[in-house]
PDB file of N, CA and C in Angstrom:
ATOM      1  N   UNK A   1     -86.782  32.909 -13.093  1.00  0.00           N
ATOM      2  CA  UNK A   1     -86.226  32.289 -12.123  1.00  0.00           C
ATOM      3  C   UNK A   1     -87.116  30.906 -11.627  1.00  0.00           C
ATOM      4  N   UNK A   2     -86.266  30.026 -11.340  1.00  0.00           N
ATOM      5  CA  UNK A   2     -87.311  28.983 -10.406  1.00  0.00           C
ATOM      6  C   UNK A   2     -86.298  28.032 -10.212  1.00  0.00           C
ATOM      7  N   UNK A   3     -86.682  26.861 -10.126  1.00  0.00           N
ATOM      8  CA  UNK A   3     -85.731  25.713  -9.498  1.00  0.00           C
ATOM      9  C   UNK A   3     -85.039  24.878 -10.877  1.00  0.00           C
ATOM     10  N   UNK A   4     -83.904  24.916 -10.652  1.00  0.00           N
ATOM     11  CA  UNK A   4     -82.926  24.069 -11.606  1.00  0.00           C
ATOM     12  C   UNK A   4     -82.336  22.738 -10.928  1.00  0.00           C
ATOM     13  N   UNK A   5     -82.301  21.685 -11.699  1.00  0.00           N
ATOM     14  CA  UNK A   5     -81.612  20.519 -11.250  1.00  0.00           C
ATOM     15  C   UNK A   5     -80.827  20.252 -12.094  1.00  0.00           C
ATOM     16  N   UNK A   6     -79.709  19.909 -11.307  1.00  0.00           N
ATOM     17  CA  UNK A   6     -78.114  19.268 -11.765  1.00  0.00           C
ATOM     18  C   UNK A   6     -77.646  18.718 -11.185  1.00  0.00           C
ATOM     19  N   UNK A   7     -76.914  17.394 -11.906  1.00  0.00           N
ATOM     20  CA  UNK A   7     -75.877  16.523 -10.994  1.00  0.00           C
ATOM     21  C   UNK A   7     -74.624  16.941 -10.742  1.00  0.00           C
ATOM     22  N   UNK A   8     -74.131  16.261  -9.916  1.00  0.00           N
ATOM     23  CA  UNK A   8     -72.360  16.644  -9.667  1.00  0.00           C
ATOM     24  C   UNK A   8     -71.678  15.588 -10.474  1.00  0.00           C
ATOM     25  N   UNK A   9     -70.515  15.615 -10.215  1.00  0.00           N
ATOM     26  CA  UNK A   9     -69.958  14.917 -10.981  1.00  0.00           C
ATOM     27  C   UNK A   9     -69.809  13.080 -11.270  1.00  0.00           C
ATOM     28  N   UNK A  10     -70.594  12.588 -10.449  1.00  0.00           N
ATOM     29  CA  UNK A  10     -70.804  11.745 -10.584  1.00  0.00           C
ATOM     30  C   UNK A  10     -71.784  11.183 -11.371  1.00  0.00           C
ATOM     31  N   UNK A  11     -72.658  11.828 -11.717  1.00  0.00           N
ATOM     32  CA  UNK A  11     -73.805  10.999 -12.735  1.00  0.00           C
ATOM     33  C   UNK A  11     -74.848  10.268 -11.838  1.00  0.00           C
ATOM     34  N   UNK A  12     -75.967   9.810 -12.340  1.00  0.00           N
ATOM     35  CA  UNK A  12     -76.682   9.487 -12.169  1.00  0.00           C
ATOM     36  C   UNK A  12     -77.459   8.159 -12.936  1.00  0.00           C
ATOM     37  N   UNK A  13     -78.061   7.449 -12.600  1.00  0.00           N
ATOM     38  CA  UNK A  13     -78.251   5.864 -13.670  1.00  0.00           C
ATOM     39  C   UNK A  13     -79.778   6.115 -13.938  1.00  0.00           C
ATOM     40  N   UNK A  14     -80.310   5.899 -15.320  1.00  0.00           N
ATOM     41  CA  UNK A  14     -81.111   5.997 -15.841  1.00  0.00           C
ATOM     42  C   UNK A  14     -82.035   4.825 -16.005  1.00  0.00           C
ATOM     43  N   UNK A  15     -83.176   4.132 -15.449  1.00  0.00           N
ATOM     44  CA  UNK A  15     -84.076   3.059 -15.191  1.00  0.00           C
ATOM     45  C   UNK A  15     -85.026   3.356 -16.496  1.00  0.00           C
ATOM     46  N   UNK A  16     -85.226   2.845 -17.796  1.00  0.00           N
ATOM     47  CA  UNK A  16     -86.117   2.428 -18.405  1.00  0.00           C
ATOM     48  C   UNK A  16     -86.491   1.158 -18.065  1.00  0.00           C
ATOM     49  N   UNK A  17     -88.893   1.407 -18.627  1.00  0.00           N
ATOM     50  CA  UNK A  17     -89.491   0.768 -18.596  1.00  0.00           C
ATOM     51  C   UNK A  17     -90.055   0.658 -20.018  1.00  0.00           C
ATOM     52  N   UNK A  18     -90.528  -0.142 -20.651  1.00  0.00           N
ATOM     53  CA  UNK A  18     -91.206  -0.005 -21.598  1.00  0.00           C
ATOM     54  C   UNK A  18     -92.390  -0.556 -21.482  1.00  0.00           C
ATOM     55  N   UNK A  19     -93.281  -0.686 -20.806  1.00  0.00           N
ATOM     56  CA  UNK A  19     -94.598  -1.112 -20.504  1.00  0.00           C
ATOM     57  C   UNK A  19     -95.621  -0.646 -21.611  1.00  0.00           C
ATOM     58  N   UNK A  20     -95.670   0.600 -22.105  1.00  0.00           N
ATOM     59  CA  UNK A  20     -96.473   1.175 -23.325  1.00  0.00           C
ATOM     60  C   UNK A  20     -95.962   1.443 -24.168  1.00  0.00           C
ATOM     61  N   UNK A  21     -96.864   2.297 -24.833  1.00  0.00           N
ATOM     62  CA  UNK A  21     -96.597   2.856 -26.314  1.00  0.00           C
ATOM     63  C   UNK A  21     -94.669   3.558 -26.654  1.00  0.00           C
ATOM     64  N   UNK A  22     -94.938   4.548 -25.430  1.00  0.00           N
ATOM     65  CA  UNK A  22     -93.585   5.188 -25.418  1.00  0.00           C
ATOM     66  C   UNK A  22     -92.784   4.559 -23.884  1.00  0.00           C
ATOM     67  N   UNK A  23     -91.414   4.376 -24.122  1.00  0.00           N
ATOM     68  CA  UNK A  23     -90.779   4.114 -22.743  1.00  0.00           C
ATOM     69  C   UNK A  23     -90.963   5.386 -21.750  1.00  0.00           C
ATOM     70  N   UNK A  24     -90.834   4.860 -20.429  1.00  0.00           N
ATOM     71  CA  UNK A  24     -90.733   5.532 -19.518  1.00  0.00           C
ATOM     72  C   UNK A  24     -89.488   5.507 -18.183  1.00  0.00           C
ATOM     73  N   UNK A  25     -89.281   6.531 -18.264  1.00  0.00           N
ATOM     74  CA  UNK A  25     -87.755   6.679 -17.279  1.00  0.00           C
ATOM     75  C   UNK A  25     -87.519   7.196 -16.018  1.00  0.00           C
ATOM     76  N   UNK A  26     -87.120   6.554 -15.396  1.00  0.00           N
ATOM     77  CA  UNK A  26     -86.683   7.132 -13.799  1.00  0.00           C
ATOM     78  C   UNK A  26     -85.294   7.415 -13.228  1.00  0.00           C
ATOM     79  N   UNK A  27     -85.040   8.093 -12.346  1.00  0.00           N
ATOM     80  CA  UNK A  27     -84.019   7.584 -11.282  1.00  0.00           C
ATOM     81  C   UNK A  27     -84.073   7.429 -10.062  1.00  0.00           C
ATOM     82  N   UNK A  28     -82.959   6.973  -9.696  1.00  0.00           N
ATOM     83  CA  UNK A  28     -83.179   6.668  -8.221  1.00  0.00           C
ATOM     84  C   UNK A  28     -82.670   7.775  -7.243  1.00  0.00           C
ATOM     85  N   UNK A  29     -83.061   8.112  -5.940  1.00  0.00           N
ATOM     86  CA  UNK A  29     -82.671   9.093  -5.580  1.00  0.00           C
ATOM     87  C   UNK A  29     -82.749   8.978  -3.950  1.00  0.00           C
ATOM     88  N   UNK A  30     -81.122   8.497  -3.326  1.00  0.00           N
ATOM     89  CA  UNK A  30     -81.445   8.286  -2.114  1.00  0.00           C
ATOM     90  C   UNK A  30     -80.659   9.099  -1.207  1.00  0.00           C
ATOM     91  N   UNK A  31     -81.076   8.932  -0.052  1.00  0.00           N
ATOM     92  CA  UNK A  31     -80.686   9.729   1.202  1.00  0.00           C
ATOM     93  C   UNK A  31     -80.015   9.067   2.666  1.00  0.00           C
ATOM     94  N   UNK A  32     -78.964   8.962   3.130  1.00  0.00           N
ATOM     95  CA  UNK A  32     -78.526   8.430   4.510  1.00  0.00           C
ATOM     96  C   UNK A  32     -79.248   9.059   5.491  1.00  0.00           C
ATOM     97  N   UNK A  33     -79.904   8.394   6.198  1.00  0.00           N
ATOM     98  CA  UNK A  33     -80.051   8.460   7.686  1.00  0.00           C
ATOM     99  C   UNK A  33     -80.235   7.652   8.685  1.00  0.00           C
ATOM    100  N   UNK A  34     -79.042   8.181   9.368  1.00  0.00           N
ATOM    101  CA  UNK A  34     -78.818   7.353  10.201  1.00  0.00           C
ATOM    102  C   UNK A  34     -78.080   5.974   9.978  1.00  0.00           C
ATOM    103  N   UNK A  35     -77.773   4.583   9.865  1.00  0.00           N
ATOM    104  CA  UNK A  35     -77.271   3.833   9.588  1.00  0.00           C
ATOM    105  C   UNK A  35     -78.200   3.045   8.095  1.00  0.00           C
ATOM    106  N   UNK A  36     -79.245   3.541   8.064  1.00  0.00           N
ATOM    107  CA  UNK A  36     -80.290   3.340   6.620  1.00  0.00           C
ATOM    108  C   UNK A  36     -80.496   4.503   5.439  1.00  0.00           C
ATOM    109  N   UNK A  37     -80.574   3.772   4.595  1.00  0.00           N
ATOM    110  CA  UNK A  37     -80.530   4.510   3.463  1.00  0.00           C
ATOM    111  C   UNK A  37     -82.354   4.360   3.035  1.00  0.00           C
ATOM    112  N   UNK A  38     -82.981   5.682   2.653  1.00  0.00           N
ATOM    113  CA  UNK A  38     -83.903   5.770   2.385  1.00  0.00           C
ATOM    114  C   UNK A  38     -83.981   5.856   0.732  1.00  0.00           C
ATOM    115  N   UNK A  39     -84.717   5.144  -0.085  1.00  0.00           N
ATOM    116  CA  UNK A  39     -84.634   5.080  -1.579  1.00  0.00           C
ATOM    117  C   UNK A  39     -85.906   5.749  -2.223  1.00  0.00           C
ATOM    118  N   UNK A  40     -85.649   6.627  -3.537  1.00  0.00           N
ATOM    119  CA  UNK A  40     -87.230   6.591  -3.602  1.00  0.00           C
ATOM    120  C   UNK A  40     -87.111   7.066  -5.364  1.00  0.00           C
ATOM    121  N   UNK A  41     -87.697   6.586  -6.119  1.00  0.00           N
ATOM    122  CA  UNK A  41     -87.499   6.468  -7.767  1.00  0.00           C
ATOM    123  C   UNK A  41     -88.461   7.734  -7.948  1.00  0.00           C
ATOM    124  N   UNK A  42     -87.433   8.580  -8.900  1.00  0.00           N
ATOM    125  CA  UNK A  42     -88.267   9.887  -9.311  1.00  0.00           C
ATOM    126  C   UNK A  42     -88.263   9.750 -10.807  1.00  0.00           C
ATOM    127  N   UNK A  43     -89.365   9.914 -11.405  1.00  0.00           N
ATOM    128  CA  UNK A  43     -89.913  10.006 -13.067  1.00  0.00           C
ATOM    129  C   UNK A  43     -89.163  11.439 -13.558  1.00  0.00           C
ATOM    130  N   UNK A  44     -89.134  10.552 -14.543  1.00  0.00           N
ATOM    131  CA  UNK A  44     -88.004  11.458 -15.307  1.00  0.00           C
ATOM    132  C   UNK A  44     -88.872  11.652 -16.870  1.00  0.00           C
ATOM    133  N   UNK A  45     -89.135  12.824 -17.655  1.00  0.00           N
ATOM    134  CA  UNK A  45     -88.895  12.978 -19.102  1.00  0.00           C
ATOM    135  C   UNK A  45     -87.999  13.827 -19.907  1.00  0.00           C
ATOM    136  N   UNK A  46     -87.633  13.481 -20.826  1.00  0.00           N
ATOM    137  CA  UNK A  46     -86.805  13.934 -21.459  1.00  0.00           C
ATOM    138  C   UNK A  46     -87.328  14.910 -22.587  1.00  0.00           C
ATOM    139  N   UNK A  47     -86.833  16.273 -22.794  1.00  0.00           N
ATOM    140  CA  UNK A  47     -87.911  17.358 -23.532  1.00  0.00           C
ATOM    141  C   UNK A  47     -87.033  16.736 -24.725  1.00  0.00           C
ATOM    142  N   UNK A  48     -88.407  16.945 -25.858  1.00  0.00           N
ATOM    143  CA  UNK A  48     -87.510  16.522 -27.174  1.00  0.00           C
ATOM    144  C   UNK A  48     -87.781  15.102 -27.980  1.00  0.00           C
ATOM    145  N   UNK A  49     -87.769  14.052 -26.212  1.00  0.00           N
ATOM    146  CA  UNK A  49     -87.631  12.922 -27.085  1.00  0.00           C
ATOM    147  C   UNK A  49     -86.428  12.116 -26.278  1.00  0.00           C
ATOM    148  N   UNK A  50     -86.377  11.044 -26.299  1.00  0.00           N
ATOM    149  CA  UNK A  50     -84.730  10.244 -25.952  1.00  0.00           C
ATOM    150  C   UNK A  50     -84.961   8.860 -26.227  1.00  0.00           C
ATOM    151  N   UNK A  51     -83.888   8.245 -26.913  1.00  0.00           N
ATOM    152  CA  UNK A  51     -83.764   6.649 -26.714  1.00  0.00           C
ATOM    153  C   UNK A  51     -82.797   6.530 -25.799  1.00  0.00           C
ATOM    154  N   UNK A  52     -83.118   5.832 -24.432  1.00  0.00           N
ATOM    155  CA  UNK A  52     -81.669   6.133 -23.465  1.00  0.00           C
ATOM    156  C   UNK A  52     -81.864   4.536 -23.316  1.00  0.00           C
ATOM    157  N   UNK A  53     -80.571   3.806 -23.290  1.00  0.00           N
ATOM    158  CA  UNK A  53     -81.071   2.535 -22.662  1.00  0.00           C
ATOM    159  C   UNK A  53     -81.304   2.278 -21.388  1.00  0.00           C
ATOM    160  N   UNK A  54     -81.733   1.316 -20.796  1.00  0.00           N
ATOM    161  CA  UNK A  54     -81.471   0.941 -19.474  1.00  0.00           C
ATOM    162  C   UNK A  54     -80.253   0.994 -18.757  1.00  0.00           C
ATOM    163  N   UNK A  55     -79.813   1.529 -17.471  1.00  0.00           N
ATOM    164  CA  UNK A  55     -78.997   1.695 -17.081  1.00  0.00           C
ATOM    165  C   UNK A  55     -78.211   2.498 -17.499  1.00  0.00           C
ATOM    166  N   UNK A  56     -78.087   3.048 -18.192  1.00  0.00           N
ATOM    167  CA  UNK A  56     -77.352   4.636 -18.669  1.00  0.00           C
ATOM    168  C   UNK A  56     -76.802   5.153 -17.460  1.00  0.00           C
ATOM    169  N   UNK A  57     -75.734   5.804 -17.262  1.00  0.00           N
ATOM    170  CA  UNK A  57     -75.567   6.748 -16.309  1.00  0.00           C
ATOM    171  C   UNK A  57     -74.917   8.525 -17.331  1.00  0.00           C
ATOM    172  N   UNK A  58     -76.208   9.011 -16.881  1.00  0.00           N
ATOM    173  CA  UNK A  58     -76.041  10.517 -17.429  1.00  0.00           C
ATOM    174  C   UNK A  58     -75.620  11.405 -16.399  1.00  0.00           C
ATOM    175  N   UNK A  59     -75.309  12.378 -17.319  1.00  0.00           N
ATOM    176  CA  UNK A  59     -75.052  13.899 -16.060  1.00  0.00           C
ATOM    177  C   UNK A  59     -76.056  14.569 -16.795  1.00  0.00           C
ATOM    178  N   UNK A  60     -77.029  15.002 -15.707  1.00  0.00           N
ATOM    179  CA  UNK A  60     -77.835  16.392 -15.975  1.00  0.00           C
ATOM    180  C   UNK A  60     -77.226  17.921 -15.968  1.00  0.00           C
ATOM    181  N   UNK A  61     -77.736  18.684 -16.881  1.00  0.00           N
ATOM    182  CA  UNK A  61     -77.108  19.803 -17.040  1.00  0.00           C
ATOM    183  C   UNK A  61     -77.948  20.969 -16.558  1.00  0.00           C
ATOM    184  N   UNK A  62     -79.373  20.546 -17.169  1.00  0.00           N
ATOM    185  CA  UNK A  62     -80.476  21.717 -17.087  1.00  0.00           C
ATOM    186  C   UNK A  62     -81.391  21.227 -16.924  1.00  0.00           C
ATOM    187  N   UNK A  63     -82.689  20.894 -15.881  1.00  0.00           N
ATOM    188  CA  UNK A  63     -83.924  20.002 -15.954  1.00  0.00           C
ATOM    189  C   UNK A  63     -84.622  21.135 -14.855  1.00  0.00           C
ATOM    190  N   UNK A  64     -85.717  20.770 -14.338  1.00  0.00           N
ATOM    191  CA  UNK A  64     -86.965  21.291 -13.907  1.00  0.00           C
ATOM    192  C   UNK A  64     -88.068  20.318 -13.107  1.00  0.00           C
ATOM    193  N   UNK A  65     -88.332  20.642 -12.094  1.00  0.00           N
ATOM    194  CA  UNK A  65     -89.469  19.970 -11.938  1.00  0.00           C
ATOM    195  C   UNK A  65     -91.000  20.544 -12.454  1.00  0.00           C
ATOM    196  N   UNK A  66     -91.814  19.381 -12.826  1.00  0.00           N
ATOM    197  CA  UNK A  66     -93.309  20.099 -13.252  1.00  0.00           C
ATOM    198  C   UNK A  66     -94.295  19.014 -12.684  1.00  0.00           C
ATOM    199  N   UNK A  67     -95.287  19.222 -12.585  1.00  0.00           N
ATOM    200  CA  UNK A  67     -96.615  19.035 -11.940  1.00  0.00           C
ATOM    201  C   UNK A  67     -96.983  17.968 -13.252  1.00  0.00           C
ATOM    202  N   UNK A  68     -97.243  16.717 -12.824  1.00  0.00           N
ATOM    203  CA  UNK A  68     -98.077  15.955 -13.862  1.00  0.00           C
ATOM    204  C   UNK A  68     -99.506  15.423 -13.060  1.00  0.00           C
ATOM    205  N   UNK A  69    -100.770  15.386 -13.651  1.00  0.00           N
ATOM    206  CA  UNK A  69    -101.690  14.807 -13.260  1.00  0.00           C
ATOM    207  C   UNK A  69    -102.523  14.154 -14.028  1.00  0.00           C
ATOM    208  N   UNK A  70    -103.352  13.454 -14.024  1.00  0.00           N
ATOM    209  CA  UNK A  70    -104.055  12.691 -14.622  1.00  0.00           C
ATOM    210  C   UNK A  70    -105.448  12.151 -14.301  1.00  0.00           C
ATOM    211  N   UNK A  71    -106.578  11.810 -14.323  1.00  0.00           N
ATOM    212  CA  UNK A  71    -107.501  10.944 -13.774  1.00  0.00           C
ATOM    213  C   UNK A  71    -107.816   9.837 -14.068  1.00  0.00           C
ATOM    214  N   UNK A  72    -107.985   8.618 -12.823  1.00  0.00           N
ATOM    215  CA  UNK A  72    -107.963   7.246 -13.448  1.00  0.00           C
ATOM    216  C   UNK A  72    -109.106   6.946 -12.646  1.00  0.00           C
ATOM    217  N   UNK A  73    -110.205   6.354 -13.261  1.00  0.00           N
ATOM    218  CA  UNK A  73    -111.381   5.802 -12.490  1.00  0.00           C
ATOM    219  C   UNK A  73    -112.207   6.800 -11.345  1.00  0.00           C
ATOM    220  N   UNK A  74    -112.118   7.809 -12.225  1.00  0.00           N
ATOM    221  CA  UNK A  74    -113.037   9.010 -11.605  1.00  0.00           C
ATOM    222  C   UNK A  74    -111.337   9.860 -10.442  1.00  0.00           C
ATOM    223  N   UNK A  75    -110.566   9.352 -10.447  1.00  0.00           N
ATOM    224  CA  UNK A  75    -109.598   9.985  -9.050  1.00  0.00           C
ATOM    225  C   UNK A  75    -108.567  10.834  -9.720  1.00  0.00           C
ATOM    226  N   UNK A  76    -108.438  11.639  -8.942  1.00  0.00           N
ATOM    227  CA  UNK A  76    -107.432  12.454  -9.471  1.00  0.00           C
ATOM    228  C   UNK A  76    -105.994  12.275  -8.823  1.00  0.00           C
ATOM    229  N   UNK A  77    -105.203  12.129  -9.782  1.00  0.00           N
ATOM    230  CA  UNK A  77    -103.427  12.045  -9.551  1.00  0.00           C
ATOM    231  C   UNK A  77    -102.521  12.855  -9.835  1.00  0.00           C
ATOM    232  N   UNK A  78    -101.865  13.413  -9.123  1.00  0.00           N
ATOM    233  CA  UNK A  78    -100.144  13.950  -9.267  1.00  0.00           C
ATOM    234  C   UNK A  78     -99.307  13.930  -8.528  1.00  0.00           C
ATOM    235  N   UNK A  79     -98.383  13.795  -9.513  1.00  0.00           N
ATOM    236  CA  UNK A  79     -96.687  13.909  -8.772  1.00  0.00           C
ATOM    237  C   UNK A  79     -95.867  14.810  -9.895  1.00  0.00           C
ATOM    238  N   UNK A  80     -94.749  14.848  -9.137  1.00  0.00           N
ATOM    239  CA  UNK A  80     -94.025  15.458  -9.539  1.00  0.00           C
ATOM    240  C   UNK A  80     -92.808  14.680 -10.492  1.00  0.00           C
ATOM    241  N   UNK A  81     -92.341  15.306 -11.723  1.00  0.00           N
ATOM    242  CA  UNK A  81     -91.700  14.868 -12.634  1.00  0.00           C
ATOM    243  C   UNK A  81     -90.199  15.931 -12.674  1.00  0.00           C
ATOM    244  N   UNK A  82     -89.300  15.417 -13.719  1.00  0.00           N
ATOM    245  CA  UNK A  82     -88.087  16.001 -13.805  1.00  0.00           C
ATOM    246  C   UNK A  82     -88.254  16.344 -15.284  1.00  0.00           C
ATOM    247  N   UNK A  83     -88.325  17.598 -15.838  1.00  0.00           N
ATOM    248  CA  UNK A  83     -88.160  17.902 -17.339  1.00  0.00           C
ATOM    249  C   UNK A  83     -86.792  18.079 -17.510  1.00  0.00           C
ATOM    250  N   UNK A  84     -86.053  16.945 -18.288  1.00  0.00           N
ATOM    251  CA  UNK A  84     -84.752  17.099 -18.366  1.00  0.00           C
ATOM    252  C   UNK A  84     -84.536  17.981 -19.983  1.00  0.00           C
ATOM    253  N   UNK A  85     -83.894  18.888 -19.668  1.00  0.00           N
ATOM    254  CA  UNK A  85     -83.525  19.397 -20.843  1.00  0.00           C
ATOM    255  C   UNK A  85     -82.278  19.908 -21.478  1.00  0.00           C
ATOM    256  N   UNK A  86     -81.037  19.448 -20.889  1.00  0.00           N
ATOM    257  CA  UNK A  86     -79.912  19.174 -21.567  1.00  0.00           C
ATOM    258  C   UNK A  86     -79.422  18.197 -20.532  1.00  0.00           C
ATOM    259  N   UNK A  87     -78.355  17.160 -21.217  1.00  0.00           N
ATOM    260  CA  UNK A  87     -78.106  15.880 -20.070  1.00  0.00           C
ATOM    261  C   UNK A  87     -76.763  15.298 -21.580  1.00  0.00           C
ATOM    262  N   UNK A  88     -75.658  15.023 -20.832  1.00  0.00           N
ATOM    263  CA  UNK A  88     -74.660  14.215 -21.662  1.00  0.00           C
ATOM    264  C   UNK A  88     -74.063  12.627 -20.889  1.00  0.00           C
ATOM    265  N   UNK A  89     -73.840  11.646 -21.342  1.00  0.00           N
ATOM    266  CA  UNK A  89     -73.936  10.311 -21.504  1.00  0.00           C
ATOM    267  C   UNK A  89     -72.435  10.416 -22.364  1.00  0.00           C
ATOM    268  N   UNK A  90     -71.756   8.831 -22.196  1.00  0.00           N
ATOM    269  CA  UNK A  90     -70.879   8.615 -22.772  1.00  0.00           C
ATOM    270  C   UNK A  90     -70.528   8.601 -24.197  1.00  0.00           C
ATOM    271  N   UNK A  91     -71.550   9.113 -24.972  1.00  0.00           N
ATOM    272  CA  UNK A  91     -71.458   9.248 -26.424  1.00  0.00           C
ATOM    273  C   UNK A  91     -71.547  11.001 -26.590  1.00  0.00           C
ATOM    274  N   UNK A  92     -71.884  11.461 -25.827  1.00  0.00           N
ATOM    275  CA  UNK A  92     -71.521  13.069 -25.538  1.00  0.00           C
ATOM    276  C   UNK A  92     -72.909  13.841 -25.318  1.00  0.00           C
ATOM    277  N   UNK A  93     -72.727  15.607 -25.674  1.00  0.00           N
ATOM    278  CA  UNK A  93     -74.117  16.186 -24.760  1.00  0.00           C
ATOM    279  C   UNK A  93     -75.467  16.096 -25.482  1.00  0.00           C
ATOM    280  N   UNK A  94     -76.239  16.602 -25.229  1.00  0.00           N
ATOM    281  CA  UNK A  94     -77.512  16.462 -25.832  1.00  0.00           C
ATOM    282  C   UNK A  94     -78.645  17.416 -25.293  1.00  0.00           C
ATOM    283  N   UNK A  95     -79.165  18.158 -26.053  1.00  0.00           N
ATOM    284  CA  UNK A  95     -79.926  19.635 -25.645  1.00  0.00           C
ATOM    285  C   UNK A  95     -81.071  19.154 -26.408  1.00  0.00           C
ATOM    286  N   UNK A  96     -82.235  19.618 -25.650  1.00  0.00           N
ATOM    287  CA  UNK A  96     -83.800  19.346 -26.452  1.00  0.00           C
ATOM    288  C   UNK A  96     -83.471  20.510 -27.484  1.00  0.00           C
ATOM    289  N   UNK A  97     -84.153  19.699 -28.689  1.00  0.00           N
ATOM    290  CA  UNK A  97     -85.042  20.299 -29.552  1.00  0.00           C
ATOM    291  C   UNK A  97     -86.130  20.901 -29.685  1.00  0.00           C
ATOM    292  N   UNK A  98     -86.739  22.270 -29.790  1.00  0.00           N
ATOM    293  CA  UNK A  98     -87.749  22.469 -30.019  1.00  0.00           C
ATOM    294  C   UNK A  98     -88.497  21.929 -31.159  1.00  0.00           C
ATOM    295  N   UNK A  99     -89.429  21.976 -31.681  1.00  0.00           N
ATOM    296  CA  UNK A  99     -90.103  21.406 -32.492  1.00  0.00           C
ATOM    297  C   UNK A  99     -90.484  21.905 -33.874  1.00  0.00           C
ATOM    298  N   UNK A 100     -90.339  23.672 -33.454  1.00  0.00           N
ATOM    299  CA  UNK A 100     -90.751  23.989 -34.897  1.00  0.00           C
ATOM    300  C   UNK A 100     -89.740  25.490 -34.301  1.00  0.00           C
ATOM    301  N   UNK A 101     -89.192  26.160 -35.311  1.00  0.00           N
ATOM    302  CA  UNK A 101     -88.222  26.984 -35.541  1.00  0.00           C
ATOM    303  C   UNK A 101     -89.247  28.203 -35.055  1.00  0.00           C
ATOM    304  N   UNK A 102     -89.042  29.321 -34.639  1.00  0.00           N
ATOM    305  CA  UNK A 102     -89.594  30.415 -34.920  1.00  0.00           C
ATOM    306  C   UNK A 102     -89.308  31.378 -35.993  1.00  0.00           C
ATOM    307  N   UNK A 103     -88.261  30.763 -36.709  1.00  0.00           N
ATOM    308  CA  UNK A 103     -88.360  31.790 -37.967  1.00  0.00           C
ATOM    309  C   UNK A 103     -89.428  31.416 -39.236  1.00  0.00           C
ATOM    310  N   UNK A 104     -89.837  30.274 -38.883  1.00  0.00           N
ATOM    311  CA  UNK A 104     -90.901  29.432 -39.928  1.00  0.00           C
ATOM    312  C   UNK A 104     -92.191  30.124 -39.530  1.00  0.00           C
ATOM    313  N   UNK A 105     -92.402  30.846 -38.407  1.00  0.00           N
ATOM    314  CA  UNK A 105     -93.695  31.241 -38.380  1.00  0.00           C
ATOM    315  C   UNK A 105     -93.825  32.745 -39.045  1.00  0.00           C
ATOM    316  N   UNK A 106     -95.127  33.001 -39.541  1.00  0.00           N
ATOM    317  CA  UNK A 106     -95.752  34.021 -40.054  1.00  0.00           C
ATOM    318  C   UNK A 106     -95.139  35.654 -39.401  1.00  0.00           C
ATOM    319  N   UNK A 107     -95.135  36.873 -39.600  1.00  0.00           N
ATOM    320  CA  UNK A 107     -94.530  37.621 -38.745  1.00  0.00           C
ATOM    321  C   UNK A 107     -95.639  38.871 -38.621  1.00  0.00           C
ATOM    322  N   UNK A 108     -96.800  38.174 -39.564  1.00  0.00           N
ATOM    323  CA  UNK A 108     -98.089  39.111 -39.515  1.00  0.00           C
ATOM    324  C   UNK A 108     -98.978  38.558 -40.149  1.00  0.00           C
ATOM    325  N   UNK A 109    -100.428  38.954 -39.295  1.00  0.00           N
ATOM    326  CA  UNK A 109    -101.908  37.982 -39.514  1.00  0.00           C
ATOM    327  C   UNK A 109    -101.930  37.959 -40.962  1.00  0.00           C
ATOM    328  N   UNK A 110    -101.376  38.624 -41.785  1.00  0.00           N
ATOM    329  CA  UNK A 110    -101.867  38.772 -43.402  1.00  0.00           C
ATOM    330  C   UNK A 110    -101.025  37.813 -44.038  1.00  0.00           C
ATOM    331  N   UNK A 111     -99.880  37.661 -43.503  1.00  0.00           N
ATOM    332  CA  UNK A 111     -98.941  36.477 -43.933  1.00  0.00           C
ATOM    333  C   UNK A 111     -99.959  34.840 -43.166  1.00  0.00           C
ATOM    334  N   UNK A 112    -100.349  34.829 -42.304  1.00  0.00           N
ATOM    335  CA  UNK A 112    -100.818  34.028 -41.668  1.00  0.00           C
ATOM    336  C   UNK A 112    -102.086  33.762 -42.399  1.00  0.00           C
ATOM    337  N   UNK A 113    -102.936  34.634 -42.953  1.00  0.00           N
ATOM    338  CA  UNK A 113    -104.358  34.374 -43.458  1.00  0.00           C
ATOM    339  C   UNK A 113    -104.372  34.085 -44.831  1.00  0.00           C
ATOM    340  N   UNK A 114    -103.088  34.290 -45.509  1.00  0.00           N
ATOM    341  CA  UNK A 114    -102.898  33.602 -46.654  1.00  0.00           C
ATOM    342  C   UNK A 114    -102.911  31.979 -47.037  1.00  0.00           C
ATOM    343  N   UNK A 115    -102.355  31.454 -45.574  1.00  0.00           N
ATOM    344  CA  UNK A 115    -102.124  30.203 -45.481  1.00  0.00           C
ATOM    345  C   UNK A 115    -103.498  29.261 -45.327  1.00  0.00           C
ATOM    346  N   UNK A 116    -104.869  30.345 -44.763  1.00  0.00           N
ATOM    347  CA  UNK A 116    -105.918  30.180 -44.182  1.00  0.00           C
ATOM    348  C   UNK A 116    -106.595  29.307 -45.674  1.00  0.00           C
ATOM    349  N   UNK A 117    -107.120  27.821 -45.379  1.00  0.00           N
ATOM    350  CA  UNK A 117    -107.612  26.927 -46.416  1.00  0.00           C
ATOM    351  C   UNK A 117    -109.015  27.533 -47.093  1.00  0.00           C
ATOM    352  N   UNK A 118    -109.745  28.361 -45.679  1.00  0.00           N
ATOM    353  CA  UNK A 118    -111.311  28.704 -45.556  1.00  0.00           C
ATOM    354  C   UNK A 118    -111.360  30.123 -45.389  1.00  0.00           C
ATOM    355  N   UNK A 119    -112.265  31.012 -45.837  1.00  0.00           N
ATOM    356  CA  UNK A 119    -112.380  32.402 -45.294  1.00  0.00           C
ATOM    357  C   UNK A 119    -113.980  32.657 -45.041  1.00  0.00           C
TER     358      UNK A 119
END
């Protein structure tokens, strides 16, 4: 059990940035306090990869927060990112696909030792 994130029936707009080798995505999260709107951009990752155009409205069905950390110039940085597992847009629903099926894995050490190129 843990924290799960989903959107309501309105959906959320995804902003895409192509600054590096891979695209990065953010969503805008806002809250009204009095007469002022407080806005923040939240970084998101799509599990299994995704190629979503800038400005696409998606509905998040299953996501969870994760901690992302990196070191730059000797300084450690941390931030929360949302890992989106299931989502849908106008084209249809999407679900993260695992890279390798468990059916392809050997069921014993003997079976895996047969595939080792050195002994």
